[in-house]
Every structure is written in structure tokens, then in C-alpha cells.
């Protein structure tokens, strides 16, 4: 049976911690930054965990 390939698109977007948590960057920080307040920009710049609803699918794509 051949090995499964990691989905390279999701591999670039998600980091797996040593304990197996999935972390992602928040969306909405790429354009229209002049319109957004400094507080909104700061809040969006944090790394957050992948939601429970998506975690199973993301793990499958990563081959975990």
C-alpha cells in the first residue's frame, strides 16, 4: 500500500505543536488595513487553535 501524501496547502497554513495541538493564523489581516483599527489589527495577528469542528479534517489532510 502506498504512503499517504500530506496536503501541502494545509501544511503551509497549520502548525502542529509538540503536544499535538493545531495552530493557525487568523484571517483578515492581508488587505484593507487602513480601515481596520489598531486594536482589530493586533487581535487578528495572534495565532489561534483550529476549531474542534475542523480539527479532525485538518488532521486527516496532514496525515496525522
PDB file of N, CA and C in Angstrom:
ATOM      1  N   UNK A   1       0.843  -1.187   0.000  1.00  0.00           N
ATOM      2  CA  UNK A   1       0.000   0.000   0.000  1.00  0.00           C
ATOM      3  C   UNK A   1       0.889   1.251   0.000  1.00  0.00           C
ATOM      4  N   UNK A   2       0.622   2.231  -0.891  1.00  0.00           N
ATOM      5  CA  UNK A   2       1.478   3.424  -0.938  1.00  0.00           C
ATOM      6  C   UNK A   2       1.252   4.335   0.259  1.00  0.00           C
ATOM      7  N   UNK A   3       2.275   5.127   0.548  1.00  0.00           N
ATOM      8  CA  UNK A   3       2.158   6.086   1.642  1.00  0.00           C
ATOM      9  C   UNK A   3       1.150   7.174   1.277  1.00  0.00           C
ATOM     10  N   UNK A   4       0.511   7.742   2.293  1.00  0.00           N
ATOM     11  CA  UNK A   4      -0.374   8.881   2.043  1.00  0.00           C
ATOM     12  C   UNK A   4       0.462  10.141   1.924  1.00  0.00           C
ATOM     13  N   UNK A   5       0.048  11.037   1.052  1.00  0.00           N
ATOM     14  CA  UNK A   5       0.758  12.297   0.896  1.00  0.00           C
ATOM     15  C   UNK A   5       0.107  13.369   1.758  1.00  0.00           C
ATOM     16  N   UNK A   6       0.943  14.189   2.366  1.00  0.00           N
ATOM     17  CA  UNK A   6       0.466  15.334   3.128  1.00  0.00           C
ATOM     18  C   UNK A   6      -0.103  16.361   2.154  1.00  0.00           C
ATOM     19  N   UNK A   7      -1.216  16.980   2.511  1.00  0.00           N
ATOM     20  CA  UNK A   7      -1.796  18.046   1.695  1.00  0.00           C
ATOM     21  C   UNK A   7      -0.927  19.283   1.891  1.00  0.00           C
ATOM     22  N   UNK A   8      -0.161  19.667   0.861  1.00  0.00           N
ATOM     23  CA  UNK A   8       0.831  20.729   1.029  1.00  0.00           C
ATOM     24  C   UNK A   8       0.191  22.081   1.337  1.00  0.00           C
ATOM     25  N   UNK A   9      -1.038  22.299   0.853  1.00  0.00           N
ATOM     26  CA  UNK A   9      -1.714  23.572   1.126  1.00  0.00           C
ATOM     27  C   UNK A   9      -2.013  23.755   2.599  1.00  0.00           C
ATOM     28  N   UNK A  10      -2.499  22.690   3.253  1.00  0.00           N
ATOM     29  CA  UNK A  10      -2.831  22.795   4.678  1.00  0.00           C
ATOM     30  C   UNK A  10      -1.556  22.768   5.513  1.00  0.00           C
ATOM     31  N   UNK A  11      -0.524  22.082   5.031  1.00  0.00           N
ATOM     32  CA  UNK A  11       0.745  22.008   5.764  1.00  0.00           C
ATOM     33  C   UNK A  11       1.383  23.386   5.900  1.00  0.00           C
ATOM     34  N   UNK A  12       1.160  24.252   4.908  1.00  0.00           N
ATOM     35  CA  UNK A  12       1.713  25.606   4.963  1.00  0.00           C
ATOM     36  C   UNK A  12       0.930  26.505   5.908  1.00  0.00           C
ATOM     37  N   UNK A  13      -0.306  26.142   6.200  1.00  0.00           N
ATOM     38  CA  UNK A  13      -1.191  27.017   6.975  1.00  0.00           C
ATOM     39  C   UNK A  13      -1.337  26.630   8.434  1.00  0.00           C
ATOM     40  N   UNK A  14      -0.991  25.392   8.770  1.00  0.00           N
ATOM     41  CA  UNK A  14      -1.237  24.888  10.121  1.00  0.00           C
ATOM     42  C   UNK A  14       0.059  24.368  10.712  1.00  0.00           C
ATOM     43  N   UNK A  15       0.280  24.696  11.993  1.00  0.00           N
ATOM     44  CA  UNK A  15       1.453  24.202  12.708  1.00  0.00           C
ATOM     45  C   UNK A  15       0.983  23.237  13.785  1.00  0.00           C
ATOM     46  N   UNK A  16       1.700  22.127  13.942  1.00  0.00           N
ATOM     47  CA  UNK A  16       1.375  21.158  14.988  1.00  0.00           C
ATOM     48  C   UNK A  16       2.373  21.350  16.119  1.00  0.00           C
ATOM     49  N   UNK A  17       1.853  21.560  17.339  1.00  0.00           N
ATOM     50  CA  UNK A  17       2.728  21.736  18.493  1.00  0.00           C
ATOM     51  C   UNK A  17       3.250  20.383  18.961  1.00  0.00           C
ATOM     52  N   UNK A  18       4.167  20.408  19.919  1.00  0.00           N
ATOM     53  CA  UNK A  18       4.760  19.175  20.451  1.00  0.00           C
ATOM     54  C   UNK A  18       3.707  18.285  21.099  1.00  0.00           C
ATOM     55  N   UNK A  19       2.666  18.889  21.640  1.00  0.00           N
ATOM     56  CA  UNK A  19       1.604  18.113  22.285  1.00  0.00           C
ATOM     57  C   UNK A  19       0.462  17.768  21.343  1.00  0.00           C
ATOM     58  N   UNK A  20       0.605  18.145  20.074  1.00  0.00           N
ATOM     59  CA  UNK A  20      -0.382  17.747  19.078  1.00  0.00           C
ATOM     60  C   UNK A  20      -1.489  18.742  18.816  1.00  0.00           C
ATOM     61  N   UNK A  21      -1.397  19.951  19.384  1.00  0.00           N
ATOM     62  CA  UNK A  21      -2.407  20.966  19.092  1.00  0.00           C
ATOM     63  C   UNK A  21      -2.175  21.500  17.689  1.00  0.00           C
ATOM     64  N   UNK A  22      -3.249  21.925  17.034  1.00  0.00           N
ATOM     65  CA  UNK A  22      -3.171  22.510  15.697  1.00  0.00           C
ATOM     66  C   UNK A  22      -3.356  24.016  15.826  1.00  0.00           C
ATOM     67  N   UNK A  23      -2.389  24.786  15.343  1.00  0.00           N
ATOM     68  CA  UNK A  23      -2.456  26.237  15.420  1.00  0.00           C
ATOM     69  C   UNK A  23      -2.514  26.822  14.017  1.00  0.00           C
ATOM     70  N   UNK A  24      -3.266  27.923  13.893  1.00  0.00           N
ATOM     71  CA  UNK A  24      -3.397  28.599  12.600  1.00  0.00           C
ATOM     72  C   UNK A  24      -3.367  30.104  12.810  1.00  0.00           C
ATOM     73  N   UNK A  25      -3.053  30.828  11.748  1.00  0.00           N
ATOM     74  CA  UNK A  25      -3.106  32.286  11.766  1.00  0.00           C
ATOM     75  C   UNK A  25      -4.540  32.716  11.493  1.00  0.00           C
ATOM     76  N   UNK A  26      -4.971  33.816  12.089  1.00  0.00           N
ATOM     77  CA  UNK A  26      -6.330  34.279  11.846  1.00  0.00           C
ATOM     78  C   UNK A  26      -6.445  34.961  10.488  1.00  0.00           C
ATOM     79  N   UNK A  27      -7.625  34.886   9.910  1.00  0.00           N
ATOM     80  CA  UNK A  27      -7.878  35.500   8.608  1.00  0.00           C
ATOM     81  C   UNK A  27      -8.199  36.986   8.771  1.00  0.00           C
ATOM     82  N   UNK A  28      -8.055  37.732   7.700  1.00  0.00           N
ATOM     83  CA  UNK A  28      -8.488  39.123   7.683  1.00  0.00           C
ATOM     84  C   UNK A  28      -7.381  40.125   7.908  1.00  0.00           C
ATOM     85  N   UNK A  29      -6.118  39.720   7.742  1.00  0.00           N
ATOM     86  CA  UNK A  29      -5.015  40.643   8.027  1.00  0.00           C
ATOM     87  C   UNK A  29      -4.167  40.906   6.780  1.00  0.00           C
ATOM     88  N   UNK A  30      -4.747  40.703   5.609  1.00  0.00           N
ATOM     89  CA  UNK A  30      -3.974  40.822   4.369  1.00  0.00           C
ATOM     90  C   UNK A  30      -4.257  42.115   3.600  1.00  0.00           C
ATOM     91  N   UNK A  31      -5.436  42.678   3.735  1.00  0.00           N
ATOM     92  CA  UNK A  31      -5.741  43.892   2.981  1.00  0.00           C
ATOM     93  C   UNK A  31      -6.753  44.734   3.756  1.00  0.00           C
ATOM     94  N   UNK A  32      -6.991  45.943   3.263  1.00  0.00           N
ATOM     95  CA  UNK A  32      -7.882  46.930   3.906  1.00  0.00           C
ATOM     96  C   UNK A  32      -7.430  47.250   5.322  1.00  0.00           C
ATOM     97  N   UNK A  33      -6.141  47.292   5.555  1.00  0.00           N
ATOM     98  CA  UNK A  33      -5.623  47.513   6.902  1.00  0.00           C
ATOM     99  C   UNK A  33      -5.790  48.964   7.345  1.00  0.00           C
ATOM    100  N   UNK A  34      -5.879  49.885   6.384  1.00  0.00           N
ATOM    101  CA  UNK A  34      -6.082  51.294   6.748  1.00  0.00           C
ATOM    102  C   UNK A  34      -7.435  51.495   7.419  1.00  0.00           C
ATOM    103  N   UNK A  35      -8.412  50.688   7.029  1.00  0.00           N
ATOM    104  CA  UNK A  35      -9.775  50.814   7.548  1.00  0.00           C
ATOM    105  C   UNK A  35      -9.884  50.226   8.952  1.00  0.00           C
ATOM    106  N   UNK A  36      -9.124  49.184   9.211  1.00  0.00           N
ATOM    107  CA  UNK A  36      -9.231  48.482  10.492  1.00  0.00           C
ATOM    108  C   UNK A  36      -8.502  49.251  11.588  1.00  0.00           C
ATOM    109  N   UNK A  37      -9.068  49.195  12.772  1.00  0.00           N
ATOM    110  CA  UNK A  37      -8.449  49.876  13.909  1.00  0.00           C
ATOM    111  C   UNK A  37      -7.192  49.123  14.335  1.00  0.00           C
ATOM    112  N   UNK A  38      -6.326  49.808  15.082  1.00  0.00           N
ATOM    113  CA  UNK A  38      -5.096  49.184  15.573  1.00  0.00           C
ATOM    114  C   UNK A  38      -5.413  48.003  16.466  1.00  0.00           C
ATOM    115  N   UNK A  39      -6.470  48.145  17.259  1.00  0.00           N
ATOM    116  CA  UNK A  39      -6.881  47.051  18.151  1.00  0.00           C
ATOM    117  C   UNK A  39      -7.288  45.824  17.347  1.00  0.00           C
ATOM    118  N   UNK A  40      -8.068  46.045  16.285  1.00  0.00           N
ATOM    119  CA  UNK A  40      -8.507  44.922  15.445  1.00  0.00           C
ATOM    120  C   UNK A  40      -7.307  44.252  14.779  1.00  0.00           C
ATOM    121  N   UNK A  41      -6.365  45.060  14.290  1.00  0.00           N
ATOM    122  CA  UNK A  41      -5.163  44.521  13.660  1.00  0.00           C
ATOM    123  C   UNK A  41      -4.355  43.700  14.655  1.00  0.00           C
ATOM    124  N   UNK A  42      -4.200  44.210  15.867  1.00  0.00           N
ATOM    125  CA  UNK A  42      -3.461  43.468  16.913  1.00  0.00           C
ATOM    126  C   UNK A  42      -4.143  42.159  17.242  1.00  0.00           C
ATOM    127  N   UNK A  43      -5.465  42.203  17.399  1.00  0.00           N
ATOM    128  CA  UNK A  43      -6.212  40.999  17.769  1.00  0.00           C
ATOM    129  C   UNK A  43      -6.139  39.930  16.676  1.00  0.00           C
ATOM    130  N   UNK A  44      -6.117  40.353  15.418  1.00  0.00           N
ATOM    131  CA  UNK A  44      -6.054  39.403  14.314  1.00  0.00           C
ATOM    132  C   UNK A  44      -4.666  38.803  14.122  1.00  0.00           C
ATOM    133  N   UNK A  45      -3.646  39.443  14.700  1.00  0.00           N
ATOM    134  CA  UNK A  45      -2.270  38.997  14.450  1.00  0.00           C
ATOM    135  C   UNK A  45      -1.868  37.795  15.292  1.00  0.00           C
ATOM    136  N   UNK A  46      -2.718  37.351  16.212  1.00  0.00           N
ATOM    137  CA  UNK A  46      -2.364  36.221  17.064  1.00  0.00           C
ATOM    138  C   UNK A  46      -2.580  34.886  16.366  1.00  0.00           C
ATOM    139  N   UNK A  47      -1.847  33.882  16.841  1.00  0.00           N
ATOM    140  CA  UNK A  47      -2.032  32.507  16.382  1.00  0.00           C
ATOM    141  C   UNK A  47      -3.090  31.870  17.273  1.00  0.00           C
ATOM    142  N   UNK A  48      -4.049  31.180  16.667  1.00  0.00           N
ATOM    143  CA  UNK A  48      -5.155  30.590  17.429  1.00  0.00           C
ATOM    144  C   UNK A  48      -5.287  29.110  17.099  1.00  0.00           C
ATOM    145  N   UNK A  49      -5.883  28.323  18.000  1.00  0.00           N
ATOM    146  CA  UNK A  49      -6.078  26.904  17.696  1.00  0.00           C
ATOM    147  C   UNK A  49      -7.141  26.701  16.623  1.00  0.00           C
ATOM    148  N   UNK A  50      -6.996  25.622  15.872  1.00  0.00           N
ATOM    149  CA  UNK A  50      -8.001  25.230  14.875  1.00  0.00           C
ATOM    150  C   UNK A  50      -9.249  24.798  15.645  1.00  0.00           C
ATOM    151  N   UNK A  51     -10.437  25.155  15.149  1.00  0.00           N
ATOM    152  CA  UNK A  51     -11.676  24.815  15.842  1.00  0.00           C
ATOM    153  C   UNK A  51     -11.869  23.304  15.892  1.00  0.00           C
ATOM    154  N   UNK A  52     -12.605  22.846  16.908  1.00  0.00           N
ATOM    155  CA  UNK A  52     -12.847  21.410  17.065  1.00  0.00           C
ATOM    156  C   UNK A  52     -13.560  20.832  15.852  1.00  0.00           C
ATOM    157  N   UNK A  53     -14.454  21.622  15.263  1.00  0.00           N
ATOM    158  CA  UNK A  53     -15.211  21.154  14.105  1.00  0.00           C
ATOM    159  C   UNK A  53     -14.299  20.862  12.917  1.00  0.00           C
ATOM    160  N   UNK A  54     -13.203  21.610  12.782  1.00  0.00           N
ATOM    161  CA  UNK A  54     -12.301  21.449  11.642  1.00  0.00           C
ATOM    162  C   UNK A  54     -11.098  20.567  11.946  1.00  0.00           C
ATOM    163  N   UNK A  55     -10.805  20.337  13.224  1.00  0.00           N
ATOM    164  CA  UNK A  55      -9.560  19.670  13.618  1.00  0.00           C
ATOM    165  C   UNK A  55      -9.434  18.275  13.014  1.00  0.00           C
ATOM    166  N   UNK A  56     -10.524  17.520  13.008  1.00  0.00           N
ATOM    167  CA  UNK A  56     -10.469  16.149  12.503  1.00  0.00           C
ATOM    168  C   UNK A  56     -10.097  16.121  11.016  1.00  0.00           C
ATOM    169  N   UNK A  57     -10.721  17.013  10.253  1.00  0.00           N
ATOM    170  CA  UNK A  57     -10.453  17.089   8.815  1.00  0.00           C
ATOM    171  C   UNK A  57      -9.014  17.539   8.550  1.00  0.00           C
ATOM    172  N   UNK A  58      -8.542  18.514   9.335  1.00  0.00           N
ATOM    173  CA  UNK A  58      -7.182  19.019   9.168  1.00  0.00           C
ATOM    174  C   UNK A  58      -6.163  17.924   9.488  1.00  0.00           C
ATOM    175  N   UNK A  59      -6.396  17.178  10.546  1.00  0.00           N
ATOM    176  CA  UNK A  59      -5.502  16.061  10.901  1.00  0.00           C
ATOM    177  C   UNK A  59      -5.412  15.047   9.773  1.00  0.00           C
ATOM    178  N   UNK A  60      -6.544  14.755   9.147  1.00  0.00           N
ATOM    179  CA  UNK A  60      -6.568  13.804   8.044  1.00  0.00           C
ATOM    180  C   UNK A  60      -5.738  14.318   6.867  1.00  0.00           C
ATOM    181  N   UNK A  61      -5.878  15.606   6.570  1.00  0.00           N
ATOM    182  CA  UNK A  61      -5.116  16.201   5.465  1.00  0.00           C
ATOM    183  C   UNK A  61      -3.619  16.216   5.750  1.00  0.00           C
ATOM    184  N   UNK A  62      -3.260  16.357   7.037  1.00  0.00           N
ATOM    185  CA  UNK A  62      -1.854  16.366   7.425  1.00  0.00           C
ATOM    186  C   UNK A  62      -1.280  14.956   7.528  1.00  0.00           C
ATOM    187  N   UNK A  63      -2.156  13.974   7.541  1.00  0.00           N
ATOM    188  CA  UNK A  63      -1.701  12.600   7.662  1.00  0.00           C
ATOM    189  C   UNK A  63      -1.396  12.196   9.084  1.00  0.00           C
ATOM    190  N   UNK A  64      -2.074  12.836  10.042  1.00  0.00           N
ATOM    191  CA  UNK A  64      -1.854  12.508  11.469  1.00  0.00           C
ATOM    192  C   UNK A  64      -2.855  11.493  11.960  1.00  0.00           C
TER     193      UNK A  64
END
